[in-house]
Amino acid sequence: MMVQRMATKIAIIGSGNIGTDLMIKVLRTSKHLEMGVLVGIDPASDGLARARRMGVATTDKGIEGLMAMPEFDDISIVFDATSAPSHAHHHKALEGKGRRLVDLTPAAIGPYVVPVVNMGENFDAPNLNMVSCGGQATIPMVAAVNRVARVKYAEIVASIASKSAGPGTRANIDEFTQTTARAIESVGGAAKGKAIIVLNPAEPPLIMRNTVFCLSEDADPAAVNASILRMIEEVRTYVPGYRLKQEVQFDEFRSPKANGLKTSIFLEVEGAGHYLPAYAGNLDIMTSAALKTGERLALAA
């Protein structure tokens, strides 16, 4: 007789756009995670009000409020959707308490996780970092090129609608570029990485677009293209709005020092519209990747 696995109870710190969207994803789509508490610091936030309407326990007293709640005893995984400085405080407060942390900020205290690239690695770590929205969108492409030909340099440009960048995102711009560049190297496999973010003020708002440039060792463009297309389908299993904007472009480069291949990849990410507008694919890919990671943690427990 098969014993049905109980869903793992979670808490989400951060009642803004990202935290609220993640909560709704858990409530609507997850078979392995169960909402325990939504944590905020603004009693009037829409996220906390929505959580209460949906029957989810809340606190507006931050991490200290969560740890004082009776519901805290049942929480196994805590998702942090606040800011890099706040996450450092939350990590310290939860250290030694037996809870797993999934960090959606660029704090990068724990090892990086990009589900389609290194899911399952470092799962014994108490704190897992989801890099950034740009990292989740572009690192799979760098890894796809790298598994065919060693990537010597990768540069990514993430363009997001200004309206999708809340206070937390704007406060974390420097951390975004630094964390993403490091993860392009350590997870994507590039010898050197660079990340740029652009806040696009266009009206109506444009969906997230990403450009990935890879300089690699010489390789068969058809093999690189096939690897990229396979990786896109893997990402689409949890981010259906992830797609190529146009065909991948290839250029050979020659220099006195080396020959190689330049691969240019143009992506767009449309959000699922669970809580955020469809143009906010940058936020949707973060919550989708975090959900995927949390579910894997739950299944591995």
C-alpha atoms as a PDB file:
ATOM      1  CA  MET A   1       0.000   0.000   0.000  1.00  0.00           C
ATOM      2  CA  MET A   2       1.413   3.384  -1.029  1.00  0.00           C
ATOM      3  CA  VAL A   3       1.637   5.932   1.795  1.00  0.00           C
ATOM      4  CA  GLN A   4       0.794   9.460   0.642  1.00  0.00           C
ATOM      5  CA  ARG A   5       3.494  11.997   1.492  1.00  0.00           C
ATOM      6  CA  MET A   6       2.321  14.919   3.607  1.00  0.00           C
ATOM      7  CA  ALA A   7       2.905  18.377   2.115  1.00  0.00           C
ATOM      8  CA  THR A   8       5.778  20.329   3.647  1.00  0.00           C
ATOM      9  CA  LYS A   9       4.744  23.493   5.461  1.00  0.00           C
ATOM     10  CA  ILE A  10       6.505  26.688   4.492  1.00  0.00           C
ATOM     11  CA  ALA A  11       6.719  30.329   5.471  1.00  0.00           C
ATOM     12  CA  ILE A  12       7.387  33.211   3.100  1.00  0.00           C
ATOM     13  CA  ILE A  13       9.111  36.334   4.408  1.00  0.00           C
ATOM     14  CA  GLY A  14       8.135  39.355   2.345  1.00  0.00           C
ATOM     15  CA  SER A  15       4.580  40.399   1.537  1.00  0.00           C
ATOM     16  CA  GLY A  16       5.454  42.407  -1.577  1.00  0.00           C
ATOM     17  CA  ASN A  17       5.074  41.381  -5.214  1.00  0.00           C
ATOM     18  CA  ILE A  18       7.488  38.448  -5.153  1.00  0.00           C
ATOM     19  CA  GLY A  19       6.369  36.988  -1.828  1.00  0.00           C
ATOM     20  CA  THR A  20       2.683  37.315  -2.684  1.00  0.00           C
ATOM     21  CA  ASP A  21       3.120  35.768  -6.129  1.00  0.00           C
ATOM     22  CA  LEU A  22       5.042  32.858  -4.605  1.00  0.00           C
ATOM     23  CA  MET A  23       2.288  32.363  -2.027  1.00  0.00           C
ATOM     24  CA  ILE A  24      -0.352  32.167  -4.738  1.00  0.00           C
ATOM     25  CA  LYS A  25       1.740  29.710  -6.746  1.00  0.00           C
ATOM     26  CA  VAL A  26       2.067  27.480  -3.686  1.00  0.00           C
ATOM     27  CA  LEU A  27      -1.666  27.644  -2.983  1.00  0.00           C
ATOM     28  CA  ARG A  28      -2.745  27.042  -6.584  1.00  0.00           C
ATOM     29  CA  THR A  29      -0.172  24.721  -8.070  1.00  0.00           C
ATOM     30  CA  SER A  30       2.002  22.916  -5.521  1.00  0.00           C
ATOM     31  CA  LYS A  31       1.353  19.315  -4.530  1.00  0.00           C
ATOM     32  CA  HIS A  32       4.311  19.144  -2.158  1.00  0.00           C
ATOM     33  CA  LEU A  33       4.312  22.506  -0.337  1.00  0.00           C
ATOM     34  CA  GLU A  34       1.667  23.943   1.987  1.00  0.00           C
ATOM     35  CA  MET A  35       1.426  27.585   3.005  1.00  0.00           C
ATOM     36  CA  GLY A  36       1.992  28.085   6.695  1.00  0.00           C
ATOM     37  CA  VAL A  37       2.656  31.794   7.241  1.00  0.00           C
ATOM     38  CA  LEU A  38       3.143  34.921   5.143  1.00  0.00           C
ATOM     39  CA  VAL A  39       5.452  37.354   6.943  1.00  0.00           C
ATOM     40  CA  GLY A  40       5.595  41.117   6.397  1.00  0.00           C
ATOM     41  CA  ILE A  41       6.407  44.346   8.172  1.00  0.00           C
ATOM     42  CA  ASP A  42       3.645  46.558   6.736  1.00  0.00           C
ATOM     43  CA  PRO A  43       0.266  45.847   8.353  1.00  0.00           C
ATOM     44  CA  ALA A  44      -1.488  47.524   5.411  1.00  0.00           C
ATOM     45  CA  SER A  45       0.256  45.541   2.650  1.00  0.00           C
ATOM     46  CA  ASP A  46      -1.921  43.986  -0.046  1.00  0.00           C
ATOM     47  CA  GLY A  47      -0.025  40.732   0.326  1.00  0.00           C
ATOM     48  CA  LEU A  48      -0.922  40.271   3.985  1.00  0.00           C
ATOM     49  CA  ALA A  49      -4.539  41.244   3.329  1.00  0.00           C
ATOM     50  CA  ARG A  50      -4.751  38.767   0.463  1.00  0.00           C
ATOM     51  CA  ALA A  51      -3.185  36.026   2.592  1.00  0.00           C
ATOM     52  CA  ARG A  52      -5.751  36.526   5.324  1.00  0.00           C
ATOM     53  CA  ARG A  53      -8.584  36.360   2.774  1.00  0.00           C
ATOM     54  CA  MET A  54      -7.138  33.071   1.510  1.00  0.00           C
ATOM     55  CA  GLY A  55      -6.946  31.573   5.004  1.00  0.00           C
ATOM     56  CA  VAL A  56      -3.176  31.870   5.438  1.00  0.00           C
ATOM     57  CA  ALA A  57      -1.739  32.848   8.828  1.00  0.00           C
ATOM     58  CA  THR A  58       0.134  36.157   8.814  1.00  0.00           C
ATOM     59  CA  THR A  59       2.333  38.386  10.926  1.00  0.00           C
ATOM     60  CA  ASP A  60       3.406  41.978  10.323  1.00  0.00           C
ATOM     61  CA  LYS A  61       6.206  41.698  12.900  1.00  0.00           C
ATOM     62  CA  GLY A  62       8.884  40.326  10.576  1.00  0.00           C
ATOM     63  CA  ILE A  63      11.105  37.347  11.366  1.00  0.00           C
ATOM     64  CA  GLU A  64      10.708  37.874  15.120  1.00  0.00           C
ATOM     65  CA  GLY A  65       6.938  37.711  14.725  1.00  0.00           C
ATOM     66  CA  LEU A  66       7.186  34.476  12.748  1.00  0.00           C
ATOM     67  CA  MET A  67       9.412  32.808  15.327  1.00  0.00           C
ATOM     68  CA  ALA A  68       6.969  33.752  18.105  1.00  0.00           C
ATOM     69  CA  MET A  69       3.984  32.146  16.335  1.00  0.00           C
ATOM     70  CA  PRO A  70       2.824  28.616  17.254  1.00  0.00           C
ATOM     71  CA  GLU A  71       2.742  27.872  13.519  1.00  0.00           C
ATOM     72  CA  PHE A  72       6.536  28.245  13.409  1.00  0.00           C
ATOM     73  CA  ASP A  73       6.949  24.787  14.975  1.00  0.00           C
ATOM     74  CA  ASP A  74       5.512  23.168  11.842  1.00  0.00           C
ATOM     75  CA  ILE A  75       7.517  25.200   9.314  1.00  0.00           C
ATOM     76  CA  SER A  76      10.278  23.271   7.511  1.00  0.00           C
ATOM     77  CA  ILE A  77      11.236  25.655   4.699  1.00  0.00           C
ATOM     78  CA  VAL A  78      11.416  29.453   4.800  1.00  0.00           C
ATOM     79  CA  PHE A  79      11.455  31.453   1.565  1.00  0.00           C
ATOM     80  CA  ASP A  80      12.946  34.940   1.802  1.00  0.00           C
ATOM     81  CA  ALA A  81      11.552  37.458  -0.710  1.00  0.00           C
ATOM     82  CA  THR A  82      12.831  40.655   0.906  1.00  0.00           C
ATOM     83  CA  SER A  83      16.211  42.297   0.230  1.00  0.00           C
ATOM     84  CA  ALA A  84      19.864  41.345   0.474  1.00  0.00           C
ATOM     85  CA  PRO A  85      20.515  43.272   3.739  1.00  0.00           C
ATOM     86  CA  SER A  86      17.310  41.937   5.316  1.00  0.00           C
ATOM     87  CA  HIS A  87      18.188  38.396   4.342  1.00  0.00           C
ATOM     88  CA  ALA A  88      21.455  38.578   6.263  1.00  0.00           C
ATOM     89  CA  HIS A  89      19.407  39.323   9.405  1.00  0.00           C
ATOM     90  CA  HIS A  90      16.907  36.536   8.654  1.00  0.00           C
ATOM     91  CA  HIS A  91      19.695  34.030   8.032  1.00  0.00           C
ATOM     92  CA  LYS A  92      21.289  34.837  11.376  1.00  0.00           C
ATOM     93  CA  ALA A  93      17.947  34.669  13.214  1.00  0.00           C
ATOM     94  CA  LEU A  94      17.139  31.213  11.787  1.00  0.00           C
ATOM     95  CA  GLU A  95      20.634  29.769  12.088  1.00  0.00           C
ATOM     96  CA  GLY A  96      20.578  26.560  14.091  1.00  0.00           C
ATOM     97  CA  LYS A  97      16.776  26.423  14.142  1.00  0.00           C
ATOM     98  CA  GLY A  98      16.552  23.459  11.748  1.00  0.00           C
ATOM     99  CA  ARG A  99      14.764  25.322   8.952  1.00  0.00           C
ATOM    100  CA  ARG A 100      15.903  25.321   5.329  1.00  0.00           C
ATOM    101  CA  LEU A 101      16.178  28.746   3.702  1.00  0.00           C
ATOM    102  CA  VAL A 102      15.447  29.471   0.038  1.00  0.00           C
ATOM    103  CA  ASP A 103      16.787  32.955  -0.640  1.00  0.00           C
ATOM    104  CA  LEU A 104      15.186  34.969  -3.475  1.00  0.00           C
ATOM    105  CA  THR A 105      17.414  37.990  -2.772  1.00  0.00           C
ATOM    106  CA  PRO A 106      20.928  38.564  -4.196  1.00  0.00           C
ATOM    107  CA  ALA A 107      22.477  38.143  -0.716  1.00  0.00           C
ATOM    108  CA  ALA A 108      24.172  34.923  -1.873  1.00  0.00           C
ATOM    109  CA  ILE A 109      24.954  33.662   1.616  1.00  0.00           C
ATOM    110  CA  GLY A 110      24.310  30.091   0.496  1.00  0.00           C
ATOM    111  CA  PRO A 111      25.246  28.285  -2.735  1.00  0.00           C
ATOM    112  CA  TYR A 112      23.545  29.255  -6.003  1.00  0.00           C
ATOM    113  CA  VAL A 113      20.720  27.159  -7.443  1.00  0.00           C
ATOM    114  CA  VAL A 114      19.432  27.288 -11.023  1.00  0.00           C
ATOM    115  CA  PRO A 115      16.996  24.341 -11.216  1.00  0.00           C
ATOM    116  CA  VAL A 116      17.752  23.081 -14.735  1.00  0.00           C
ATOM    117  CA  VAL A 117      21.510  23.422 -14.297  1.00  0.00           C
ATOM    118  CA  ASN A 118      22.454  22.271 -10.796  1.00  0.00           C
ATOM    119  CA  MET A 119      19.299  21.113  -9.027  1.00  0.00           C
ATOM    120  CA  GLY A 120      20.247  18.585  -6.375  1.00  0.00           C
ATOM    121  CA  GLU A 121      23.728  19.961  -5.743  1.00  0.00           C
ATOM    122  CA  ASN A 122      24.377  21.539  -2.333  1.00  0.00           C
ATOM    123  CA  PHE A 123      21.017  20.329  -1.041  1.00  0.00           C
ATOM    124  CA  ASP A 124      22.585  19.670   2.349  1.00  0.00           C
ATOM    125  CA  ALA A 125      23.239  23.410   2.719  1.00  0.00           C
ATOM    126  CA  PRO A 126      20.884  25.192   5.132  1.00  0.00           C
ATOM    127  CA  ASN A 127      20.590  28.223   2.824  1.00  0.00           C
ATOM    128  CA  LEU A 128      20.109  28.086  -0.966  1.00  0.00           C
ATOM    129  CA  ASN A 129      20.315  31.194  -3.139  1.00  0.00           C
ATOM    130  CA  MET A 130      18.240  31.714  -6.302  1.00  0.00           C
ATOM    131  CA  VAL A 131      20.770  34.193  -7.788  1.00  0.00           C
ATOM    132  CA  SER A 132      18.534  36.781  -9.534  1.00  0.00           C
ATOM    133  CA  CYS A 133      15.815  37.026 -12.164  1.00  0.00           C
ATOM    134  CA  GLY A 134      18.441  37.679 -14.832  1.00  0.00           C
ATOM    135  CA  GLY A 135      20.487  34.754 -13.590  1.00  0.00           C
ATOM    136  CA  GLN A 136      17.542  32.358 -13.689  1.00  0.00           C
ATOM    137  CA  ALA A 137      16.766  33.446 -17.250  1.00  0.00           C
ATOM    138  CA  THR A 138      20.266  33.473 -18.714  1.00  0.00           C
ATOM    139  CA  ILE A 139      22.490  31.025 -16.831  1.00  0.00           C
ATOM    140  CA  PRO A 140      20.706  28.027 -18.416  1.00  0.00           C
ATOM    141  CA  MET A 141      21.744  29.400 -21.822  1.00  0.00           C
ATOM    142  CA  VAL A 142      25.377  29.819 -20.780  1.00  0.00           C
ATOM    143  CA  ALA A 143      25.345  26.265 -19.428  1.00  0.00           C
ATOM    144  CA  ALA A 144      23.767  24.994 -22.647  1.00  0.00           C
ATOM    145  CA  VAL A 145      26.613  26.462 -24.699  1.00  0.00           C
ATOM    146  CA  ASN A 146      29.230  25.352 -22.181  1.00  0.00           C
ATOM    147  CA  ARG A 147      28.187  21.693 -22.324  1.00  0.00           C
ATOM    148  CA  VAL A 148      29.127  21.719 -26.022  1.00  0.00           C
ATOM    149  CA  ALA A 149      32.095  24.102 -26.064  1.00  0.00           C
ATOM    150  CA  ARG A 150      33.920  25.681 -23.133  1.00  0.00           C
ATOM    151  CA  VAL A 151      32.687  29.244 -22.630  1.00  0.00           C
ATOM    152  CA  LYS A 152      35.520  31.700 -22.125  1.00  0.00           C
ATOM    153  CA  TYR A 153      33.376  34.791 -21.625  1.00  0.00           C
ATOM    154  CA  ALA A 154      29.636  35.314 -21.145  1.00  0.00           C
ATOM    155  CA  GLU A 155      27.795  38.622 -20.923  1.00  0.00           C
ATOM    156  CA  ILE A 156      24.097  38.951 -20.163  1.00  0.00           C
ATOM    157  CA  VAL A 157      21.767  41.933 -20.384  1.00  0.00           C
ATOM    158  CA  ALA A 158      18.425  41.656 -18.582  1.00  0.00           C
ATOM    159  CA  SER A 159      15.833  44.268 -19.556  1.00  0.00           C
ATOM    160  CA  ILE A 160      12.783  44.524 -17.313  1.00  0.00           C
ATOM    161  CA  ALA A 161       9.812  46.856 -17.129  1.00  0.00           C
ATOM    162  CA  SER A 162      10.302  49.668 -14.623  1.00  0.00           C
ATOM    163  CA  LYS A 163       6.846  48.931 -13.228  1.00  0.00           C
ATOM    164  CA  SER A 164       7.948  45.391 -12.330  1.00  0.00           C
ATOM    165  CA  ALA A 165      10.905  46.662 -10.279  1.00  0.00           C
ATOM    166  CA  GLY A 166       9.723  47.322  -6.752  1.00  0.00           C
ATOM    167  CA  PRO A 167      11.690  48.889  -3.893  1.00  0.00           C
ATOM    168  CA  GLY A 168      13.504  45.647  -3.133  1.00  0.00           C
ATOM    169  CA  THR A 169      14.664  45.175  -6.715  1.00  0.00           C
ATOM    170  CA  ARG A 170      15.813  48.781  -7.018  1.00  0.00           C
ATOM    171  CA  ALA A 171      17.701  48.581  -3.724  1.00  0.00           C
ATOM    172  CA  ASN A 172      19.503  45.446  -4.894  1.00  0.00           C
ATOM    173  CA  ILE A 173      20.822  46.603  -8.287  1.00  0.00           C
ATOM    174  CA  ASP A 174      24.505  46.414  -7.310  1.00  0.00           C
ATOM    175  CA  GLU A 175      24.042  43.028  -5.662  1.00  0.00           C
ATOM    176  CA  PHE A 176      22.128  41.848  -8.760  1.00  0.00           C
ATOM    177  CA  THR A 177      25.023  42.520 -11.113  1.00  0.00           C
ATOM    178  CA  GLN A 178      27.684  41.108  -8.796  1.00  0.00           C
ATOM    179  CA  THR A 179      25.766  37.982  -7.791  1.00  0.00           C
ATOM    180  CA  THR A 180      24.634  37.238 -11.343  1.00  0.00           C
ATOM    181  CA  ALA A 181      28.149  37.624 -12.754  1.00  0.00           C
ATOM    182  CA  ARG A 182      29.565  35.232 -10.157  1.00  0.00           C
ATOM    183  CA  ALA A 183      26.832  32.663 -10.844  1.00  0.00           C
ATOM    184  CA  ILE A 184      27.407  32.895 -14.612  1.00  0.00           C
ATOM    185  CA  GLU A 185      30.863  31.587 -13.814  1.00  0.00           C
ATOM    186  CA  SER A 186      30.230  29.121 -10.973  1.00  0.00           C
ATOM    187  CA  VAL A 187      26.952  27.651 -12.258  1.00  0.00           C
ATOM    188  CA  GLY A 188      26.917  28.504 -15.963  1.00  0.00           C
ATOM    189  CA  GLY A 189      30.520  27.444 -16.398  1.00  0.00           C
ATOM    190  CA  ALA A 190      31.920  30.576 -18.069  1.00  0.00           C
ATOM    191  CA  ALA A 191      35.534  31.417 -17.320  1.00  0.00           C
ATOM    192  CA  LYS A 192      34.479  35.073 -16.985  1.00  0.00           C
ATOM    193  CA  GLY A 193      30.998  36.541 -16.617  1.00  0.00           C
ATOM    194  CA  LYS A 194      29.403  39.976 -16.735  1.00  0.00           C
ATOM    195  CA  ALA A 195      25.812  41.025 -15.957  1.00  0.00           C
ATOM    196  CA  ILE A 196      23.881  44.198 -16.811  1.00  0.00           C
ATOM    197  CA  ILE A 197      20.312  45.102 -15.841  1.00  0.00           C
ATOM    198  CA  VAL A 198      18.182  47.685 -17.645  1.00  0.00           C
ATOM    199  CA  LEU A 199      14.974  49.163 -16.195  1.00  0.00           C
ATOM    200  CA  ASN A 200      12.819  49.944 -19.220  1.00  0.00           C
ATOM    201  CA  PRO A 201      10.297  52.788 -18.666  1.00  0.00           C
ATOM    202  CA  ALA A 202       8.316  52.033 -21.856  1.00  0.00           C
ATOM    203  CA  GLU A 203       4.522  52.327 -21.764  1.00  0.00           C
ATOM    204  CA  PRO A 204       2.782  50.002 -22.047  1.00  0.00           C
ATOM    205  CA  PRO A 205       5.342  47.960 -20.097  1.00  0.00           C
ATOM    206  CA  LEU A 206       7.376  45.422 -22.073  1.00  0.00           C
ATOM    207  CA  ILE A 207       7.878  41.853 -20.918  1.00  0.00           C
ATOM    208  CA  MET A 208      11.283  40.743 -19.664  1.00  0.00           C
ATOM    209  CA  ARG A 209      13.885  40.393 -22.404  1.00  0.00           C
ATOM    210  CA  ASN A 210      17.357  38.922 -22.035  1.00  0.00           C
ATOM    211  CA  THR A 211      20.368  38.923 -24.310  1.00  0.00           C
ATOM    212  CA  VAL A 212      23.138  36.373 -23.801  1.00  0.00           C
ATOM    213  CA  PHE A 213      26.507  36.622 -25.551  1.00  0.00           C
ATOM    214  CA  CYS A 214      28.913  33.700 -25.231  1.00  0.00           C
ATOM    215  CA  LEU A 215      32.455  33.481 -26.579  1.00  0.00           C
ATOM    216  CA  SER A 216      33.450  29.841 -26.592  1.00  0.00           C
ATOM    217  CA  GLU A 217      35.936  27.449 -28.048  1.00  0.00           C
ATOM    218  CA  ASP A 218      35.296  26.553 -31.672  1.00  0.00           C
ATOM    219  CA  ALA A 219      32.293  24.256 -32.043  1.00  0.00           C
ATOM    220  CA  ASP A 220      29.630  23.058 -34.460  1.00  0.00           C
ATOM    221  CA  PRO A 221      26.866  25.728 -34.404  1.00  0.00           C
ATOM    222  CA  ALA A 222      24.233  23.059 -35.027  1.00  0.00           C
ATOM    223  CA  ALA A 223      25.308  21.181 -31.890  1.00  0.00           C
ATOM    224  CA  VAL A 224      25.276  24.369 -29.816  1.00  0.00           C
ATOM    225  CA  ASN A 225      21.849  25.318 -31.176  1.00  0.00           C
ATOM    226  CA  ALA A 226      20.444  21.871 -30.361  1.00  0.00           C
ATOM    227  CA  SER A 227      21.773  22.134 -26.804  1.00  0.00           C
ATOM    228  CA  ILE A 228      20.158  25.572 -26.389  1.00  0.00           C
ATOM    229  CA  LEU A 229      16.783  24.344 -27.678  1.00  0.00           C
ATOM    230  CA  ARG A 230      16.843  21.358 -25.297  1.00  0.00           C
ATOM    231  CA  MET A 231      17.611  23.653 -22.372  1.00  0.00           C
ATOM    232  CA  ILE A 232      14.765  26.011 -23.287  1.00  0.00           C
ATOM    233  CA  GLU A 233      12.296  23.122 -23.178  1.00  0.00           C
ATOM    234  CA  GLU A 234      13.647  22.120 -19.765  1.00  0.00           C
ATOM    235  CA  VAL A 235      13.129  25.642 -18.382  1.00  0.00           C
ATOM    236  CA  ARG A 236       9.626  25.730 -19.875  1.00  0.00           C
ATOM    237  CA  THR A 237       8.581  22.808 -17.665  1.00  0.00           C
ATOM    238  CA  TYR A 238       8.316  25.301 -14.793  1.00  0.00           C
ATOM    239  CA  VAL A 239       8.325  28.664 -16.649  1.00  0.00           C
ATOM    240  CA  PRO A 240       5.945  28.204 -19.620  1.00  0.00           C
ATOM    241  CA  GLY A 241       6.461  31.808 -20.796  1.00  0.00           C
ATOM    242  CA  TYR A 242      10.206  31.284 -21.374  1.00  0.00           C
ATOM    243  CA  ARG A 243      11.075  31.373 -25.080  1.00  0.00           C
ATOM    244  CA  LEU A 244      13.443  32.529 -27.807  1.00  0.00           C
ATOM    245  CA  LYS A 245      12.701  35.971 -29.212  1.00  0.00           C
ATOM    246  CA  GLN A 246      14.450  35.064 -32.470  1.00  0.00           C
ATOM    247  CA  GLU A 247      16.755  32.403 -33.851  1.00  0.00           C
ATOM    248  CA  VAL A 248      20.138  31.951 -32.204  1.00  0.00           C
ATOM    249  CA  GLN A 249      22.922  33.762 -34.060  1.00  0.00           C
ATOM    250  CA  PHE A 250      26.437  32.434 -34.579  1.00  0.00           C
ATOM    251  CA  ASP A 251      29.632  34.180 -35.683  1.00  0.00           C
ATOM    252  CA  GLU A 252      33.111  32.760 -35.950  1.00  0.00           C
ATOM    253  CA  PHE A 253      35.889  34.877 -34.535  1.00  0.00           C
ATOM    254  CA  ARG A 254      39.561  34.664 -35.299  1.00  0.00           C
ATOM    255  CA  SER A 255      42.457  36.303 -33.463  1.00  0.00           C
ATOM    256  CA  PRO A 256      46.193  35.761 -33.143  1.00  0.00           C
ATOM    257  CA  LYS A 257      45.588  34.182 -29.726  1.00  0.00           C
ATOM    258  CA  ALA A 258      42.581  31.932 -30.386  1.00  0.00           C
ATOM    259  CA  ASN A 259      39.754  30.926 -32.659  1.00  0.00           C
ATOM    260  CA  GLY A 260      36.235  30.397 -31.445  1.00  0.00           C
ATOM    261  CA  LEU A 261      32.502  30.845 -31.736  1.00  0.00           C
ATOM    262  CA  LYS A 262      30.333  33.771 -30.682  1.00  0.00           C
ATOM    263  CA  THR A 263      26.794  32.739 -29.778  1.00  0.00           C
ATOM    264  CA  SER A 264      24.063  35.385 -29.394  1.00  0.00           C
ATOM    265  CA  ILE A 265      20.818  34.332 -27.731  1.00  0.00           C
ATOM    266  CA  PHE A 266      17.741  36.558 -27.454  1.00  0.00           C
ATOM    267  CA  LEU A 267      15.065  35.568 -24.945  1.00  0.00           C
ATOM    268  CA  GLU A 268      11.817  36.833 -23.527  1.00  0.00           C
ATOM    269  CA  VAL A 269       9.975  35.728 -20.414  1.00  0.00           C
ATOM    270  CA  GLU A 270       6.234  36.211 -20.076  1.00  0.00           C
ATOM    271  CA  GLY A 271       4.757  35.858 -16.604  1.00  0.00           C
ATOM    272  CA  ALA A 272       2.033  33.365 -15.726  1.00  0.00           C
ATOM    273  CA  GLY A 273      -0.218  36.099 -14.316  1.00  0.00           C
ATOM    274  CA  HIS A 274      -0.857  34.415 -10.955  1.00  0.00           C
ATOM    275  CA  TYR A 275      -0.566  37.709  -9.056  1.00  0.00           C
ATOM    276  CA  LEU A 276       1.694  39.869 -11.189  1.00  0.00           C
ATOM    277  CA  PRO A 277       1.004  41.233 -14.691  1.00  0.00           C
ATOM    278  CA  ALA A 278       2.179  39.099 -17.608  1.00  0.00           C
ATOM    279  CA  TYR A 279       4.933  41.608 -18.423  1.00  0.00           C
ATOM    280  CA  ALA A 280       6.598  40.917 -15.041  1.00  0.00           C
ATOM    281  CA  GLY A 281       8.336  37.785 -16.283  1.00  0.00           C
ATOM    282  CA  ASN A 282      11.394  38.791 -14.258  1.00  0.00           C
ATOM    283  CA  LEU A 283       9.499  38.266 -11.016  1.00  0.00           C
ATOM    284  CA  ASP A 284       7.626  35.206 -12.287  1.00  0.00           C
ATOM    285  CA  ILE A 285      10.798  33.315 -13.213  1.00  0.00           C
ATOM    286  CA  MET A 286      12.194  33.923  -9.719  1.00  0.00           C
ATOM    287  CA  THR A 287       9.113  32.629  -7.929  1.00  0.00           C
ATOM    288  CA  SER A 288       8.801  29.692 -10.345  1.00  0.00           C
ATOM    289  CA  ALA A 289      12.444  28.701  -9.824  1.00  0.00           C
ATOM    290  CA  ALA A 290      12.103  29.052  -6.047  1.00  0.00           C
ATOM    291  CA  LEU A 291       8.945  26.935  -6.070  1.00  0.00           C
ATOM    292  CA  LYS A 292      10.724  24.245  -8.093  1.00  0.00           C
ATOM    293  CA  THR A 293      13.619  24.278  -5.623  1.00  0.00           C
ATOM    294  CA  GLY A 294      11.339  24.149  -2.576  1.00  0.00           C
ATOM    295  CA  GLU A 295       9.417  21.202  -3.987  1.00  0.00           C
ATOM    296  CA  ARG A 296      12.660  19.323  -4.602  1.00  0.00           C
ATOM    297  CA  LEU A 297      13.708  20.027  -1.016  1.00  0.00           C
ATOM    298  CA  ALA A 298      10.363  18.712   0.209  1.00  0.00           C
ATOM    299  CA  LEU A 299      10.681  15.512  -1.822  1.00  0.00           C
ATOM    300  CA  ALA A 300      14.244  14.968  -0.625  1.00  0.00           C
ATOM    301  CA  ALA A 301      13.315  15.340   3.054  1.00  0.00           C
END
